[in-house]
């Protein structure tokens, strides 16, 4: 799944929309911050253009550097990427917990973000 957009507030959130979501307190402290139910990822500044976001269970040849690797709770069996306004961008089915890996092509304002959820 792929989307290209200029996310509001230059941030996206990775979580299961059917469960209780605890958004990280330290958003903006770095490119990525996370809780056990949500991963927040900074994007290219929304006024500077669009960010390509890909969500998949695997990538043959990931691009960029690993920015995050961990597990989040997914009680509804879905991982979705959402904007700060709660708009769902893309989603895929997973199990009751998802191992998440995030690659980004820039350490501060990536315009390409890959999210592997499995």
PDB file of N, CA and C in Angstrom:
ATOM      1  N   UNK A   1       0.858  -1.172   0.000  1.00  0.00           N
ATOM      2  CA  UNK A   1       0.000   0.000   0.000  1.00  0.00           C
ATOM      3  C   UNK A   1       0.903   1.233   0.000  1.00  0.00           C
ATOM      4  N   UNK A   2       0.532   2.224  -0.782  1.00  0.00           N
ATOM      5  CA  UNK A   2       1.328   3.440  -0.873  1.00  0.00           C
ATOM      6  C   UNK A   2       0.419   4.657  -0.950  1.00  0.00           C
ATOM      7  N   UNK A   3       0.875   5.725  -0.331  1.00  0.00           N
ATOM      8  CA  UNK A   3       0.176   7.004  -0.408  1.00  0.00           C
ATOM      9  C   UNK A   3       1.224   8.101  -0.511  1.00  0.00           C
ATOM     10  N   UNK A   4       0.838   9.181  -1.139  1.00  0.00           N
ATOM     11  CA  UNK A   4       1.712  10.353  -1.258  1.00  0.00           C
ATOM     12  C   UNK A   4       0.897  11.540  -0.772  1.00  0.00           C
ATOM     13  N   UNK A   5       1.378  12.201   0.286  1.00  0.00           N
ATOM     14  CA  UNK A   5       0.632  13.319   0.856  1.00  0.00           C
ATOM     15  C   UNK A   5       1.559  14.228   1.650  1.00  0.00           C
ATOM     16  N   UNK A   6       1.052  15.408   1.961  1.00  0.00           N
ATOM     17  CA  UNK A   6       1.720  16.359   2.860  1.00  0.00           C
ATOM     18  C   UNK A   6       0.937  16.306   4.166  1.00  0.00           C
ATOM     19  N   UNK A   7       1.332  15.416   5.094  1.00  0.00           N
ATOM     20  CA  UNK A   7       0.532  15.223   6.309  1.00  0.00           C
ATOM     21  C   UNK A   7       0.431  16.487   7.155  1.00  0.00           C
ATOM     22  N   UNK A   8      -0.757  16.769   7.691  1.00  0.00           N
ATOM     23  CA  UNK A   8      -0.908  17.907   8.597  1.00  0.00           C
ATOM     24  C   UNK A   8       0.061  17.765   9.771  1.00  0.00           C
ATOM     25  N   UNK A   9       0.652  18.862  10.162  1.00  0.00           N
ATOM     26  CA  UNK A   9       1.606  18.920  11.271  1.00  0.00           C
ATOM     27  C   UNK A   9       2.876  18.124  11.005  1.00  0.00           C
ATOM     28  N   UNK A  10       3.069  17.648   9.756  1.00  0.00           N
ATOM     29  CA  UNK A  10       4.285  16.935   9.338  1.00  0.00           C
ATOM     30  C   UNK A  10       4.561  15.702  10.191  1.00  0.00           C
ATOM     31  N   UNK A  11       3.510  14.930  10.448  1.00  0.00           N
ATOM     32  CA  UNK A  11       3.644  13.724  11.265  1.00  0.00           C
ATOM     33  C   UNK A  11       2.591  12.705  10.869  1.00  0.00           C
ATOM     34  N   UNK A  12       2.964  11.415  10.968  1.00  0.00           N
ATOM     35  CA  UNK A  12       2.005  10.328  10.774  1.00  0.00           C
ATOM     36  C   UNK A  12       2.040   9.437  12.015  1.00  0.00           C
ATOM     37  N   UNK A  13       0.967   8.674  12.189  1.00  0.00           N
ATOM     38  CA  UNK A  13       0.849   7.783  13.334  1.00  0.00           C
ATOM     39  C   UNK A  13       0.542   6.379  12.839  1.00  0.00           C
ATOM     40  N   UNK A  14       1.237   5.391  13.399  1.00  0.00           N
ATOM     41  CA  UNK A  14       1.051   3.989  13.053  1.00  0.00           C
ATOM     42  C   UNK A  14       0.401   3.323  14.260  1.00  0.00           C
ATOM     43  N   UNK A  15      -0.833   2.801  14.084  1.00  0.00           N
ATOM     44  CA  UNK A  15      -1.530   2.141  15.191  1.00  0.00           C
ATOM     45  C   UNK A  15      -2.716   1.342  14.670  1.00  0.00           C
ATOM     46  N   UNK A  16      -3.308   0.568  15.586  1.00  0.00           N
ATOM     47  CA  UNK A  16      -4.535  -0.167  15.277  1.00  0.00           C
ATOM     48  C   UNK A  16      -5.706   0.752  15.625  1.00  0.00           C
ATOM     49  N   UNK A  17      -6.473   1.201  14.641  1.00  0.00           N
ATOM     50  CA  UNK A  17      -7.553   2.148  14.915  1.00  0.00           C
ATOM     51  C   UNK A  17      -8.704   1.571  15.737  1.00  0.00           C
ATOM     52  N   UNK A  18      -8.758   0.256  15.895  1.00  0.00           N
ATOM     53  CA  UNK A  18      -9.855  -0.336  16.660  1.00  0.00           C
ATOM     54  C   UNK A  18      -9.565  -0.409  18.154  1.00  0.00           C
ATOM     55  N   UNK A  19      -8.327  -0.181  18.545  1.00  0.00           N
ATOM     56  CA  UNK A  19      -7.956  -0.291  19.954  1.00  0.00           C
ATOM     57  C   UNK A  19      -7.742   1.060  20.601  1.00  0.00           C
ATOM     58  N   UNK A  20      -7.470   1.018  21.905  1.00  0.00           N
ATOM     59  CA  UNK A  20      -7.120   2.234  22.632  1.00  0.00           C
ATOM     60  C   UNK A  20      -5.708   2.638  22.218  1.00  0.00           C
ATOM     61  N   UNK A  21      -5.531   3.894  21.879  1.00  0.00           N
ATOM     62  CA  UNK A  21      -4.245   4.372  21.382  1.00  0.00           C
ATOM     63  C   UNK A  21      -3.652   5.361  22.377  1.00  0.00           C
ATOM     64  N   UNK A  22      -2.419   5.094  22.772  1.00  0.00           N
ATOM     65  CA  UNK A  22      -1.675   6.012  23.623  1.00  0.00           C
ATOM     66  C   UNK A  22      -0.618   6.682  22.749  1.00  0.00           C
ATOM     67  N   UNK A  23      -0.849   7.944  22.417  1.00  0.00           N
ATOM     68  CA  UNK A  23       0.076   8.705  21.574  1.00  0.00           C
ATOM     69  C   UNK A  23       1.301   9.057  22.410  1.00  0.00           C
ATOM     70  N   UNK A  24       2.502   8.962  21.829  1.00  0.00           N
ATOM     71  CA  UNK A  24       3.714   9.291  22.578  1.00  0.00           C
ATOM     72  C   UNK A  24       3.702  10.729  23.093  1.00  0.00           C
ATOM     73  N   UNK A  25       4.225  10.924  24.304  1.00  0.00           N
ATOM     74  CA  UNK A  25       4.319  12.257  24.901  1.00  0.00           C
ATOM     75  C   UNK A  25       5.402  13.109  24.265  1.00  0.00           C
ATOM     76  N   UNK A  26       6.455  12.463  23.787  1.00  0.00           N
ATOM     77  CA  UNK A  26       7.641  13.193  23.334  1.00  0.00           C
ATOM     78  C   UNK A  26       7.694  13.396  21.821  1.00  0.00           C
ATOM     79  N   UNK A  27       6.533  13.585  21.201  1.00  0.00           N
ATOM     80  CA  UNK A  27       6.490  13.849  19.755  1.00  0.00           C
ATOM     81  C   UNK A  27       7.320  15.103  19.472  1.00  0.00           C
ATOM     82  N   UNK A  28       8.158  15.021  18.483  1.00  0.00           N
ATOM     83  CA  UNK A  28       8.994  16.159  18.115  1.00  0.00           C
ATOM     84  C   UNK A  28      10.382  16.104  18.728  1.00  0.00           C
ATOM     85  N   UNK A  29      10.601  15.197  19.690  1.00  0.00           N
ATOM     86  CA  UNK A  29      11.928  15.072  20.303  1.00  0.00           C
ATOM     87  C   UNK A  29      12.914  14.424  19.341  1.00  0.00           C
ATOM     88  N   UNK A  30      12.404  13.687  18.381  1.00  0.00           N
ATOM     89  CA  UNK A  30      13.210  13.020  17.362  1.00  0.00           C
ATOM     90  C   UNK A  30      12.304  12.653  16.213  1.00  0.00           C
ATOM     91  N   UNK A  31      12.863  11.976  15.228  1.00  0.00           N
ATOM     92  CA  UNK A  31      12.061  11.598  14.064  1.00  0.00           C
ATOM     93  C   UNK A  31      10.944  10.629  14.447  1.00  0.00           C
ATOM     94  N   UNK A  32      11.234   9.698  15.372  1.00  0.00           N
ATOM     95  CA  UNK A  32      10.268   8.679  15.761  1.00  0.00           C
ATOM     96  C   UNK A  32      10.148   8.628  17.276  1.00  0.00           C
ATOM     97  N   UNK A  33       8.928   8.484  17.747  1.00  0.00           N
ATOM     98  CA  UNK A  33       8.681   8.201  19.162  1.00  0.00           C
ATOM     99  C   UNK A  33       7.551   7.180  19.216  1.00  0.00           C
ATOM    100  N   UNK A  34       7.503   6.398  20.311  1.00  0.00           N
ATOM    101  CA  UNK A  34       6.536   5.299  20.343  1.00  0.00           C
ATOM    102  C   UNK A  34       6.071   4.988  21.752  1.00  0.00           C
ATOM    103  N   UNK A  35       4.898   4.363  21.797  1.00  0.00           N
ATOM    104  CA  UNK A  35       4.367   3.740  23.004  1.00  0.00           C
ATOM    105  C   UNK A  35       4.110   2.279  22.633  1.00  0.00           C
ATOM    106  N   UNK A  36       3.456   1.529  23.503  1.00  0.00           N
ATOM    107  CA  UNK A  36       3.174   0.132  23.162  1.00  0.00           C
ATOM    108  C   UNK A  36       1.977  -0.018  22.224  1.00  0.00           C
ATOM    109  N   UNK A  37       1.334   1.113  21.861  1.00  0.00           N
ATOM    110  CA  UNK A  37       0.198   1.036  20.938  1.00  0.00           C
ATOM    111  C   UNK A  37       0.293   1.990  19.747  1.00  0.00           C
ATOM    112  N   UNK A  38       1.338   2.814  19.683  1.00  0.00           N
ATOM    113  CA  UNK A  38       1.407   3.834  18.626  1.00  0.00           C
ATOM    114  C   UNK A  38       2.852   4.223  18.328  1.00  0.00           C
ATOM    115  N   UNK A  39       3.133   4.405  17.053  1.00  0.00           N
ATOM    116  CA  UNK A  39       4.431   4.921  16.615  1.00  0.00           C
ATOM    117  C   UNK A  39       4.163   6.226  15.871  1.00  0.00           C
ATOM    118  N   UNK A  40       4.812   7.302  16.305  1.00  0.00           N
ATOM    119  CA  UNK A  40       4.697   8.600  15.642  1.00  0.00           C
ATOM    120  C   UNK A  40       5.961   8.821  14.816  1.00  0.00           C
ATOM    121  N   UNK A  41       5.791   9.221  13.554  1.00  0.00           N
ATOM    122  CA  UNK A  41       6.921   9.398  12.648  1.00  0.00           C
ATOM    123  C   UNK A  41       6.817  10.769  11.992  1.00  0.00           C
ATOM    124  N   UNK A  42       7.871  11.557  12.098  1.00  0.00           N
ATOM    125  CA  UNK A  42       7.920  12.850  11.431  1.00  0.00           C
ATOM    126  C   UNK A  42       8.102  12.675   9.935  1.00  0.00           C
ATOM    127  N   UNK A  43       7.611  13.640   9.176  1.00  0.00           N
ATOM    128  CA  UNK A  43       7.693  13.598   7.713  1.00  0.00           C
ATOM    129  C   UNK A  43       8.359  14.877   7.209  1.00  0.00           C
ATOM    130  N   UNK A  44       8.464  14.986   5.908  1.00  0.00           N
ATOM    131  CA  UNK A  44       8.883  16.235   5.290  1.00  0.00           C
ATOM    132  C   UNK A  44       7.919  17.327   5.746  1.00  0.00           C
ATOM    133  N   UNK A  45       8.431  18.515   6.032  1.00  0.00           N
ATOM    134  CA  UNK A  45       7.561  19.617   6.450  1.00  0.00           C
ATOM    135  C   UNK A  45       6.436  19.777   5.432  1.00  0.00           C
ATOM    136  N   UNK A  46       5.201  19.843   5.929  1.00  0.00           N
ATOM    137  CA  UNK A  46       4.049  19.837   5.017  1.00  0.00           C
ATOM    138  C   UNK A  46       4.094  20.957   3.999  1.00  0.00           C
ATOM    139  N   UNK A  47       4.708  22.115   4.344  1.00  0.00           N
ATOM    140  CA  UNK A  47       4.789  23.219   3.389  1.00  0.00           C
ATOM    141  C   UNK A  47       5.877  23.028   2.333  1.00  0.00           C
ATOM    142  N   UNK A  48       6.742  22.009   2.545  1.00  0.00           N
ATOM    143  CA  UNK A  48       7.833  21.746   1.600  1.00  0.00           C
ATOM    144  C   UNK A  48       7.488  20.698   0.552  1.00  0.00           C
ATOM    145  N   UNK A  49       6.347  20.042   0.692  1.00  0.00           N
ATOM    146  CA  UNK A  49       5.950  19.062  -0.314  1.00  0.00           C
ATOM    147  C   UNK A  49       5.390  17.795   0.285  1.00  0.00           C
ATOM    148  N   UNK A  50       5.254  16.787  -0.566  1.00  0.00           N
ATOM    149  CA  UNK A  50       4.627  15.537  -0.168  1.00  0.00           C
ATOM    150  C   UNK A  50       5.641  14.488   0.279  1.00  0.00           C
ATOM    151  N   UNK A  51       5.157  13.582   1.103  1.00  0.00           N
ATOM    152  CA  UNK A  51       5.944  12.442   1.573  1.00  0.00           C
ATOM    153  C   UNK A  51       5.303  11.182   1.015  1.00  0.00           C
ATOM    154  N   UNK A  52       6.118  10.286   0.484  1.00  0.00           N
ATOM    155  CA  UNK A  52       5.638   8.988   0.036  1.00  0.00           C
ATOM    156  C   UNK A  52       5.700   8.045   1.230  1.00  0.00           C
ATOM    157  N   UNK A  53       4.584   7.384   1.502  1.00  0.00           N
ATOM    158  CA  UNK A  53       4.480   6.469   2.636  1.00  0.00           C
ATOM    159  C   UNK A  53       4.063   5.110   2.104  1.00  0.00           C
ATOM    160  N   UNK A  54       4.853   4.093   2.429  1.00  0.00           N
ATOM    161  CA  UNK A  54       4.534   2.729   2.009  1.00  0.00           C
ATOM    162  C   UNK A  54       4.348   1.865   3.247  1.00  0.00           C
ATOM    163  N   UNK A  55       3.299   1.055   3.243  1.00  0.00           N
ATOM    164  CA  UNK A  55       2.996   0.130   4.320  1.00  0.00           C
ATOM    165  C   UNK A  55       2.852  -1.254   3.727  1.00  0.00           C
ATOM    166  N   UNK A  56       3.613  -2.223   4.259  1.00  0.00           N
ATOM    167  CA  UNK A  56       3.572  -3.579   3.725  1.00  0.00           C
ATOM    168  C   UNK A  56       4.043  -4.575   4.782  1.00  0.00           C
ATOM    169  N   UNK A  57       3.718  -5.866   4.599  1.00  0.00           N
ATOM    170  CA  UNK A  57       4.222  -6.875   5.522  1.00  0.00           C
ATOM    171  C   UNK A  57       5.705  -7.170   5.298  1.00  0.00           C
ATOM    172  N   UNK A  58       6.240  -6.766   4.156  1.00  0.00           N
ATOM    173  CA  UNK A  58       7.671  -6.932   3.886  1.00  0.00           C
ATOM    174  C   UNK A  58       8.064  -6.095   2.673  1.00  0.00           C
ATOM    175  N   UNK A  59       9.344  -5.813   2.567  1.00  0.00           N
ATOM    176  CA  UNK A  59       9.898  -5.084   1.427  1.00  0.00           C
ATOM    177  C   UNK A  59      11.079  -5.878   0.893  1.00  0.00           C
ATOM    178  N   UNK A  60      11.150  -6.051  -0.416  1.00  0.00           N
ATOM    179  CA  UNK A  60      12.259  -6.797  -1.020  1.00  0.00           C
ATOM    180  C   UNK A  60      13.581  -6.062  -0.826  1.00  0.00           C
ATOM    181  N   UNK A  61      13.563  -4.766  -1.005  1.00  0.00           N
ATOM    182  CA  UNK A  61      14.778  -3.964  -0.859  1.00  0.00           C
ATOM    183  C   UNK A  61      14.413  -2.647  -0.182  1.00  0.00           C
ATOM    184  N   UNK A  62      14.378  -2.630   1.165  1.00  0.00           N
ATOM    185  CA  UNK A  62      14.007  -1.396   1.867  1.00  0.00           C
ATOM    186  C   UNK A  62      14.951  -0.247   1.526  1.00  0.00           C
ATOM    187  N   UNK A  63      14.400   0.948   1.447  1.00  0.00           N
ATOM    188  CA  UNK A  63      15.182   2.143   1.140  1.00  0.00           C
ATOM    189  C   UNK A  63      15.321   2.987   2.398  1.00  0.00           C
ATOM    190  N   UNK A  64      16.449   3.644   2.557  1.00  0.00           N
ATOM    191  CA  UNK A  64      16.670   4.503   3.703  1.00  0.00           C
ATOM    192  C   UNK A  64      17.306   3.754   4.857  1.00  0.00           C
ATOM    193  N   UNK A  65      17.344   4.400   6.004  1.00  0.00           N
ATOM    194  CA  UNK A  65      17.923   3.839   7.214  1.00  0.00           C
ATOM    195  C   UNK A  65      16.815   3.452   8.184  1.00  0.00           C
ATOM    196  N   UNK A  66      17.059   2.427   8.990  1.00  0.00           N
ATOM    197  CA  UNK A  66      16.071   2.037   9.998  1.00  0.00           C
ATOM    198  C   UNK A  66      15.981   3.147  11.042  1.00  0.00           C
ATOM    199  N   UNK A  67      14.770   3.656  11.244  1.00  0.00           N
ATOM    200  CA  UNK A  67      14.523   4.725  12.212  1.00  0.00           C
ATOM    201  C   UNK A  67      13.830   4.198  13.458  1.00  0.00           C
ATOM    202  N   UNK A  68      13.195   3.013  13.337  1.00  0.00           N
ATOM    203  CA  UNK A  68      12.488   2.425  14.477  1.00  0.00           C
ATOM    204  C   UNK A  68      12.296   0.945  14.233  1.00  0.00           C
ATOM    205  N   UNK A  69      12.370   0.175  15.321  1.00  0.00           N
ATOM    206  CA  UNK A  69      12.024  -1.239  15.275  1.00  0.00           C
ATOM    207  C   UNK A  69      11.467  -1.616  16.640  1.00  0.00           C
ATOM    208  N   UNK A  70      10.251  -2.165  16.660  1.00  0.00           N
ATOM    209  CA  UNK A  70       9.618  -2.541  17.909  1.00  0.00           C
ATOM    210  C   UNK A  70       8.259  -3.176  17.655  1.00  0.00           C
ATOM    211  N   UNK A  71       7.537  -3.427  18.735  1.00  0.00           N
ATOM    212  CA  UNK A  71       6.239  -4.095  18.651  1.00  0.00           C
ATOM    213  C   UNK A  71       5.159  -3.206  19.242  1.00  0.00           C
ATOM    214  N   UNK A  72       3.994  -3.187  18.579  1.00  0.00           N
ATOM    215  CA  UNK A  72       2.836  -2.477  19.126  1.00  0.00           C
ATOM    216  C   UNK A  72       1.666  -3.439  19.245  1.00  0.00           C
ATOM    217  N   UNK A  73       0.764  -3.131  20.165  1.00  0.00           N
ATOM    218  CA  UNK A  73      -0.455  -3.916  20.340  1.00  0.00           C
ATOM    219  C   UNK A  73      -1.419  -3.615  19.193  1.00  0.00           C
ATOM    220  N   UNK A  74      -2.005  -4.658  18.648  1.00  0.00           N
ATOM    221  CA  UNK A  74      -2.987  -4.500  17.565  1.00  0.00           C
ATOM    222  C   UNK A  74      -4.172  -5.425  17.850  1.00  0.00           C
ATOM    223  N   UNK A  75      -5.004  -5.073  18.840  1.00  0.00           N
ATOM    224  CA  UNK A  75      -6.100  -5.955  19.250  1.00  0.00           C
ATOM    225  C   UNK A  75      -7.120  -6.236  18.152  1.00  0.00           C
ATOM    226  N   UNK A  76      -7.273  -5.332  17.207  1.00  0.00           N
ATOM    227  CA  UNK A  76      -8.212  -5.538  16.111  1.00  0.00           C
ATOM    228  C   UNK A  76      -7.582  -6.196  14.902  1.00  0.00           C
ATOM    229  N   UNK A  77      -6.281  -6.499  14.983  1.00  0.00           N
ATOM    230  CA  UNK A  77      -5.605  -7.169  13.875  1.00  0.00           C
ATOM    231  C   UNK A  77      -5.349  -6.299  12.669  1.00  0.00           C
ATOM    232  N   UNK A  78      -5.212  -4.990  12.886  1.00  0.00           N
ATOM    233  CA  UNK A  78      -4.955  -4.067  11.781  1.00  0.00           C
ATOM    234  C   UNK A  78      -3.865  -3.083  12.172  1.00  0.00           C
ATOM    235  N   UNK A  79      -3.003  -2.771  11.229  1.00  0.00           N
ATOM    236  CA  UNK A  79      -2.075  -1.655  11.381  1.00  0.00           C
ATOM    237  C   UNK A  79      -2.466  -0.631  10.335  1.00  0.00           C
ATOM    238  N   UNK A  80      -2.677   0.597  10.790  1.00  0.00           N
ATOM    239  CA  UNK A  80      -3.052   1.683   9.883  1.00  0.00           C
ATOM    240  C   UNK A  80      -2.101   2.845  10.072  1.00  0.00           C
ATOM    241  N   UNK A  81      -1.926   3.595   9.017  1.00  0.00           N
ATOM    242  CA  UNK A  81      -1.192   4.852   9.089  1.00  0.00           C
ATOM    243  C   UNK A  81      -2.228   5.953   9.000  1.00  0.00           C
ATOM    244  N   UNK A  82      -2.179   6.852   9.977  1.00  0.00           N
ATOM    245  CA  UNK A  82      -3.163   7.916  10.094  1.00  0.00           C
ATOM    246  C   UNK A  82      -2.479   9.267  10.200  1.00  0.00           C
ATOM    247  N   UNK A  83      -3.188  10.314   9.817  1.00  0.00           N
ATOM    248  CA  UNK A  83      -2.678  11.670   9.989  1.00  0.00           C
ATOM    249  C   UNK A  83      -2.996  12.145  11.402  1.00  0.00           C
ATOM    250  N   UNK A  84      -2.499  13.314  11.747  1.00  0.00           N
ATOM    251  CA  UNK A  84      -2.786  13.897  13.064  1.00  0.00           C
ATOM    252  C   UNK A  84      -4.258  14.291  13.199  1.00  0.00           C
ATOM    253  N   UNK A  85      -4.975  14.340  12.090  1.00  0.00           N
ATOM    254  CA  UNK A  85      -6.406  14.642  12.120  1.00  0.00           C
ATOM    255  C   UNK A  85      -7.253  13.371  12.201  1.00  0.00           C
ATOM    256  N   UNK A  86      -6.587  12.216  12.333  1.00  0.00           N
ATOM    257  CA  UNK A  86      -7.296  10.949  12.451  1.00  0.00           C
ATOM    258  C   UNK A  86      -7.733  10.351  11.133  1.00  0.00           C
ATOM    259  N   UNK A  87      -7.277  10.892  10.028  1.00  0.00           N
ATOM    260  CA  UNK A  87      -7.642  10.367   8.710  1.00  0.00           C
ATOM    261  C   UNK A  87      -6.764   9.165   8.388  1.00  0.00           C
ATOM    262  N   UNK A  88      -7.385   8.035   8.059  1.00  0.00           N
ATOM    263  CA  UNK A  88      -6.626   6.845   7.699  1.00  0.00           C
ATOM    264  C   UNK A  88      -6.062   6.986   6.300  1.00  0.00           C
ATOM    265  N   UNK A  89      -4.774   6.685   6.149  1.00  0.00           N
ATOM    266  CA  UNK A  89      -4.095   6.796   4.859  1.00  0.00           C
ATOM    267  C   UNK A  89      -4.032   5.430   4.179  1.00  0.00           C
ATOM    268  N   UNK A  90      -3.494   4.438   4.881  1.00  0.00           N
ATOM    269  CA  UNK A  90      -3.409   3.058   4.391  1.00  0.00           C
ATOM    270  C   UNK A  90      -3.508   2.128   5.597  1.00  0.00           C
ATOM    271  N   UNK A  91      -3.882   0.865   5.345  1.00  0.00           N
ATOM    272  CA  UNK A  91      -3.987  -0.117   6.424  1.00  0.00           C
ATOM    273  C   UNK A  91      -3.753  -1.512   5.867  1.00  0.00           C
ATOM    274  N   UNK A  92      -3.248  -2.413   6.739  1.00  0.00           N
ATOM    275  CA  UNK A  92      -3.084  -3.816   6.367  1.00  0.00           C
ATOM    276  C   UNK A  92      -3.454  -4.693   7.569  1.00  0.00           C
ATOM    277  N   UNK A  93      -3.874  -5.934   7.312  1.00  0.00           N
ATOM    278  CA  UNK A  93      -4.175  -6.853   8.409  1.00  0.00           C
ATOM    279  C   UNK A  93      -2.891  -7.429   9.003  1.00  0.00           C
ATOM    280  N   UNK A  94      -2.907  -7.643  10.327  1.00  0.00           N
ATOM    281  CA  UNK A  94      -1.803  -8.271  11.063  1.00  0.00           C
ATOM    282  C   UNK A  94      -2.414  -9.129  12.171  1.00  0.00           C
ATOM    283  N   UNK A  95      -1.600  -9.651  13.064  1.00  0.00           N
ATOM    284  CA  UNK A  95      -2.089 -10.422  14.202  1.00  0.00           C
ATOM    285  C   UNK A  95      -2.400  -9.515  15.380  1.00  0.00           C
ATOM    286  N   UNK A  96      -2.501 -10.069  16.594  1.00  0.00           N
ATOM    287  CA  UNK A  96      -2.848  -9.290  17.788  1.00  0.00           C
ATOM    288  C   UNK A  96      -1.721  -8.393  18.292  1.00  0.00           C
ATOM    289  N   UNK A  97      -0.540  -8.564  17.747  1.00  0.00           N
ATOM    290  CA  UNK A  97       0.596  -7.673  18.004  1.00  0.00           C
ATOM    291  C   UNK A  97       1.360  -7.593  16.697  1.00  0.00           C
ATOM    292  N   UNK A  98       1.940  -6.459  16.422  1.00  0.00           N
ATOM    293  CA  UNK A  98       2.653  -6.288  15.158  1.00  0.00           C
ATOM    294  C   UNK A  98       4.073  -5.817  15.406  1.00  0.00           C
ATOM    295  N   UNK A  99       5.002  -6.499  14.755  1.00  0.00           N
ATOM    296  CA  UNK A  99       6.383  -6.043  14.781  1.00  0.00           C
ATOM    297  C   UNK A  99       6.495  -4.962  13.704  1.00  0.00           C
ATOM    298  N   UNK A 100       6.910  -3.775  14.110  1.00  0.00           N
ATOM    299  CA  UNK A 100       6.977  -2.622  13.209  1.00  0.00           C
ATOM    300  C   UNK A 100       8.437  -2.247  12.968  1.00  0.00           C
ATOM    301  N   UNK A 101       8.789  -2.061  11.706  1.00  0.00           N
ATOM    302  CA  UNK A 101      10.085  -1.506  11.334  1.00  0.00           C
ATOM    303  C   UNK A 101       9.814  -0.301  10.438  1.00  0.00           C
ATOM    304  N   UNK A 102      10.465   0.811  10.744  1.00  0.00           N
ATOM    305  CA  UNK A 102      10.297   2.039   9.957  1.00  0.00           C
ATOM    306  C   UNK A 102      11.643   2.402   9.348  1.00  0.00           C
ATOM    307  N   UNK A 103      11.650   2.599   8.033  1.00  0.00           N
ATOM    308  CA  UNK A 103      12.812   3.117   7.334  1.00  0.00           C
ATOM    309  C   UNK A 103      12.486   4.532   6.871  1.00  0.00           C
ATOM    310  N   UNK A 104      13.483   5.418   6.903  1.00  0.00           N
ATOM    311  CA  UNK A 104      13.294   6.794   6.441  1.00  0.00           C
ATOM    312  C   UNK A 104      14.524   7.200   5.625  1.00  0.00           C
ATOM    313  N   UNK A 105      14.302   8.013   4.589  1.00  0.00           N
ATOM    314  CA  UNK A 105      15.415   8.416   3.736  1.00  0.00           C
ATOM    315  C   UNK A 105      16.099   9.697   4.212  1.00  0.00           C
ATOM    316  N   UNK A 106      15.695  10.222   5.369  1.00  0.00           N
ATOM    317  CA  UNK A 106      16.352  11.396   5.949  1.00  0.00           C
ATOM    318  C   UNK A 106      16.125  11.337   7.466  1.00  0.00           C
ATOM    319  N   UNK A 107      17.111  11.746   8.232  1.00  0.00           N
ATOM    320  CA  UNK A 107      17.030  11.647   9.693  1.00  0.00           C
ATOM    321  C   UNK A 107      16.152  12.716  10.330  1.00  0.00           C
ATOM    322  N   UNK A 108      15.812  13.774   9.587  1.00  0.00           N
ATOM    323  CA  UNK A 108      14.980  14.820  10.192  1.00  0.00           C
ATOM    324  C   UNK A 108      13.707  15.123   9.410  1.00  0.00           C
ATOM    325  N   UNK A 109      13.756  15.124   8.083  1.00  0.00           N
ATOM    326  CA  UNK A 109      12.569  15.410   7.274  1.00  0.00           C
ATOM    327  C   UNK A 109      12.507  14.477   6.065  1.00  0.00           C
ATOM    328  N   UNK A 110      12.161  13.218   6.286  1.00  0.00           N
ATOM    329  CA  UNK A 110      12.115  12.284   5.160  1.00  0.00           C
ATOM    330  C   UNK A 110      10.936  12.535   4.229  1.00  0.00           C
ATOM    331  N   UNK A 111      11.186  12.328   2.934  1.00  0.00           N
ATOM    332  CA  UNK A 111      10.085  12.381   1.975  1.00  0.00           C
ATOM    333  C   UNK A 111       9.742  10.974   1.475  1.00  0.00           C
ATOM    334  N   UNK A 112      10.402   9.966   2.085  1.00  0.00           N
ATOM    335  CA  UNK A 112      10.073   8.560   1.823  1.00  0.00           C
ATOM    336  C   UNK A 112      10.137   7.816   3.154  1.00  0.00           C
ATOM    337  N   UNK A 113       9.006   7.202   3.527  1.00  0.00           N
ATOM    338  CA  UNK A 113       8.915   6.433   4.765  1.00  0.00           C
ATOM    339  C   UNK A 113       8.331   5.067   4.415  1.00  0.00           C
ATOM    340  N   UNK A 114       9.028   4.013   4.825  1.00  0.00           N
ATOM    341  CA  UNK A 114       8.554   2.653   4.635  1.00  0.00           C
ATOM    342  C   UNK A 114       8.227   2.082   6.013  1.00  0.00           C
ATOM    343  N   UNK A 115       7.051   1.486   6.141  1.00  0.00           N
ATOM    344  CA  UNK A 115       6.625   0.870   7.393  1.00  0.00           C
ATOM    345  C   UNK A 115       6.320  -0.594   7.105  1.00  0.00           C
ATOM    346  N   UNK A 116       7.118  -1.476   7.730  1.00  0.00           N
ATOM    347  CA  UNK A 116       6.846  -2.905   7.627  1.00  0.00           C
ATOM    348  C   UNK A 116       6.104  -3.315   8.883  1.00  0.00           C
ATOM    349  N   UNK A 117       4.967  -3.971   8.705  1.00  0.00           N
ATOM    350  CA  UNK A 117       4.154  -4.443   9.825  1.00  0.00           C
ATOM    351  C   UNK A 117       3.848  -5.905   9.606  1.00  0.00           C
ATOM    352  N   UNK A 118       4.262  -6.739  10.569  1.00  0.00           N
ATOM    353  CA  UNK A 118       3.980  -8.171  10.460  1.00  0.00           C
ATOM    354  C   UNK A 118       3.870  -8.805  11.813  1.00  0.00           C
TER     355      UNK A 118
END
